[in-house]
Amino acid sequence: MTSSITIELLVPLCDNEGTPFPDSAFASFEDLLVDLAGGFTRRGVVDGAWKAPDGAVYRDRSRLYAVQVPEPDASTVAATIDGEIRGRFRQLAAYLSLSRTLALAS
C-alpha cells in the first residue's frame, strides 16, 4: 500500500459582495489543480454557513473539490491551493481538509 493525502477544498461561487465568479475563474483554477495534483474531482455544489468574530452569520454556496497527492507533497500543495483560493477568489480565508488515504499498489 502507498500512503497519500486527499485534500478537500471549498471554492465559493460568489465573492464577499455576492457577485458570482465567472466560469473562466473556475476553469483556470481547475487547470491549476491538474498541474499540482495530476487531476481533481468536483463533488458538486454545497451550502454552508460560518460565524464571523462580530457574531454575524454568513451563508455560502461553494464548489467542493478533492485532489490526491503524495504524502510528502501535501503541505506544499495545500499551501499553494490556499493561496490561490485567497488570491483568485478574493477570500480572507480558505477551507481545506487533509486526510490520509491508503491506496493498493498494482
Protein backbone atom coordinates (compact mmCIF):
# COMPACT_ATOMS: atom_id res chain seq x y z
CA MET A 1 0.00 0.00 0.00
CA THR A 2 1.08 3.54 -0.65
CA SER A 3 0.15 6.46 1.54
CA SER A 4 -1.21 9.64 0.04
CA ILE A 5 -3.21 12.62 1.23
CA THR A 6 -6.65 13.62 -0.02
CA ILE A 7 -7.23 17.36 0.13
CA GLU A 8 -10.85 18.53 0.14
CA LEU A 9 -11.37 22.21 -0.53
CA LEU A 10 -14.20 24.67 -0.90
CA VAL A 11 -14.26 27.42 -3.53
CA PRO A 12 -17.09 29.96 -3.16
CA LEU A 13 -19.38 30.60 -6.11
CA CYS A 14 -19.58 34.34 -5.30
CA ASP A 15 -17.31 36.98 -3.84
CA ASN A 16 -17.94 38.58 -0.46
CA GLU A 17 -20.29 41.12 -2.08
CA GLY A 18 -22.38 38.38 -3.70
CA THR A 19 -21.06 38.77 -7.26
CA PRO A 20 -20.70 35.37 -8.98
CA PHE A 21 -17.24 34.41 -10.19
CA PRO A 22 -17.03 33.80 -13.96
CA ASP A 23 -16.70 30.28 -15.33
CA SER A 24 -13.24 31.25 -16.58
CA ALA A 25 -12.05 31.72 -12.97
CA PHE A 26 -13.08 28.15 -12.13
CA ALA A 27 -11.60 26.78 -15.38
CA SER A 28 -8.19 28.31 -14.68
CA PHE A 29 -8.33 27.13 -11.05
CA GLU A 30 -9.16 23.60 -12.21
CA ASP A 31 -6.18 23.77 -14.61
CA LEU A 32 -4.03 24.61 -11.58
CA LEU A 33 -5.38 21.58 -9.69
CA VAL A 34 -4.46 19.35 -12.63
CA ASP A 35 -0.96 20.85 -12.69
CA LEU A 36 -0.49 20.48 -8.92
CA ALA A 37 -2.12 17.10 -8.31
CA GLY A 38 -2.50 15.44 -11.69
CA GLY A 39 -6.28 15.76 -11.56
CA PHE A 40 -9.26 16.63 -9.39
CA THR A 41 -12.77 15.52 -8.52
CA ARG A 42 -15.51 18.12 -8.37
CA ARG A 43 -18.02 16.76 -5.90
CA GLY A 44 -20.72 19.34 -6.57
CA VAL A 45 -22.10 22.49 -5.03
CA VAL A 46 -22.53 22.57 -1.27
CA ASP A 47 -24.20 25.03 1.09
CA GLY A 48 -22.80 26.12 4.42
CA ALA A 49 -22.60 28.88 6.99
CA TRP A 50 -19.94 30.42 9.18
CA LYS A 51 -19.94 32.84 12.09
CA ALA A 52 -17.72 35.93 11.98
CA PRO A 53 -15.94 37.25 15.08
CA ASP A 54 -18.59 40.01 15.35
CA GLY A 55 -21.32 37.35 15.62
CA ALA A 56 -22.75 37.81 12.12
CA VAL A 57 -23.63 34.56 10.37
CA TYR A 58 -22.81 34.28 6.67
CA ARG A 59 -24.18 31.67 4.29
CA ASP A 60 -22.15 30.43 1.35
CA ARG A 61 -22.55 28.25 -1.71
CA SER A 62 -19.30 26.64 -2.79
CA ARG A 63 -17.86 24.07 -5.14
CA LEU A 64 -16.37 21.11 -3.29
CA TYR A 65 -13.21 19.69 -4.86
CA ALA A 66 -10.90 16.83 -3.91
CA VAL A 67 -7.35 16.11 -5.03
CA GLN A 68 -5.00 13.33 -4.03
CA VAL A 69 -1.26 13.93 -3.64
CA PRO A 70 1.74 12.01 -2.30
CA GLU A 71 2.09 12.50 1.44
CA PRO A 72 5.48 14.30 1.26
CA ASP A 73 3.97 16.92 -1.11
CA ALA A 74 0.74 17.54 0.80
CA SER A 75 1.77 20.57 2.87
CA THR A 76 3.22 22.41 -0.13
CA VAL A 77 0.27 21.61 -2.38
CA ALA A 78 -2.24 22.61 0.32
CA ALA A 79 -0.43 25.90 0.94
CA THR A 80 -0.42 26.66 -2.79
CA ILE A 81 -4.14 25.89 -3.11
CA ASP A 82 -4.90 28.01 -0.03
CA GLY A 83 -3.03 30.97 -1.52
CA GLU A 84 -4.73 30.57 -4.89
CA ILE A 85 -8.23 30.47 -3.36
CA ARG A 86 -7.48 33.57 -1.28
CA GLY A 87 -5.98 35.42 -4.25
CA ARG A 88 -8.05 34.35 -7.26
CA PHE A 89 -11.34 34.36 -5.37
CA ARG A 90 -10.60 37.33 -3.08
CA GLN A 91 -11.17 35.45 0.18
CA LEU A 92 -9.91 36.28 3.67
CA ALA A 93 -9.68 32.57 4.46
CA ALA A 94 -9.96 29.24 2.67
CA TYR A 95 -11.26 25.86 3.86
CA LEU A 96 -9.07 22.84 3.18
CA SER A 97 -9.25 19.45 4.88
CA LEU A 98 -6.41 16.93 4.60
CA SER A 99 -6.84 13.22 5.32
CA ARG A 100 -4.56 10.22 4.87
CA THR A 101 -5.53 7.81 2.09
CA LEU A 102 -4.14 4.32 1.61
CA ALA A 103 -4.09 3.00 -1.96
CA LEU A 104 -3.31 -0.52 -3.05
CA ALA A 105 -0.41 -0.52 -5.48
CA SER A 106 -0.89 -2.68 -8.55
